[in-house]
Protein backbone atom coordinates (compact mmCIF):
# COMPACT_ATOMS: atom_id res chain seq x y z
CA UNK A 1 -12.02 1.54 14.50
CA UNK A 2 -9.61 3.61 12.34
CA UNK A 3 -11.04 6.22 10.06
CA UNK A 4 -10.70 5.93 6.25
CA UNK A 5 -7.97 8.57 6.31
CA UNK A 6 -6.03 6.56 8.85
CA UNK A 7 -6.46 3.35 6.81
CA UNK A 8 -5.34 5.09 3.69
CA UNK A 9 -2.23 6.55 5.42
CA UNK A 10 -1.39 3.15 6.99
CA UNK A 11 -1.76 1.30 3.67
CA UNK A 12 0.51 3.82 1.97
CA UNK A 13 3.01 3.63 4.74
CA UNK A 14 3.03 -0.20 4.67
CA UNK A 15 3.59 -0.23 0.93
CA UNK A 16 6.41 2.31 0.99
CA UNK A 17 8.14 0.59 3.91
CA UNK A 18 7.97 -2.75 2.11
CA UNK A 19 9.35 -1.30 -1.09
CA UNK A 20 12.32 0.11 0.87
CA UNK A 21 13.09 -3.03 2.87
CA UNK A 22 12.24 -5.92 0.52
CA UNK A 23 15.38 -7.36 -1.03
CA UNK A 24 13.54 -8.65 -4.13
CA UNK A 25 11.75 -5.37 -4.79
CA UNK A 26 14.96 -3.42 -4.50
CA UNK A 27 16.93 -5.75 -6.76
CA UNK A 28 14.31 -6.36 -9.46
CA UNK A 29 12.25 -3.91 -11.46
CA UNK A 30 9.18 -6.16 -10.92
CA UNK A 31 7.56 -5.90 -7.44
CA UNK A 32 7.12 -9.12 -5.48
CA UNK A 33 3.75 -10.66 -4.67
CA UNK A 34 3.61 -9.00 -1.25
CA UNK A 35 4.27 -5.55 -2.82
CA UNK A 36 1.46 -6.18 -5.33
CA UNK A 37 -0.89 -7.12 -2.50
CA UNK A 38 0.03 -4.07 -0.44
CA UNK A 39 -0.44 -1.84 -3.48
CA UNK A 40 -3.88 -3.40 -4.07
CA UNK A 41 -4.79 -2.64 -0.44
CA UNK A 42 -3.65 0.93 -0.81
CA UNK A 43 -5.57 1.40 -4.05
CA UNK A 44 -8.74 0.00 -2.46
CA UNK A 45 -8.36 2.32 0.52
CA UNK A 46 -7.82 5.27 -1.79
CA UNK A 47 -10.93 4.44 -3.81
CA UNK A 48 -12.95 4.01 -0.64
CA UNK A 49 -11.82 7.35 0.70
CA UNK A 50 -12.65 9.03 -2.61
CA UNK A 51 -16.18 7.60 -2.54
CA UNK A 52 -16.70 8.80 1.03
CA UNK A 53 -15.86 12.39 0.06
């Protein structure tokens, strides 16, 4: 099972990669639904890591 730090890093990486490769996110100023979901996962992982410290 990955540690919270690994989960945080993976969530951030997934979000950044999506923002760079998604045609809709690159063309529009509004992120697509997938980007919003990935950002929500990243924020949840960040909050969880902060509570653990």
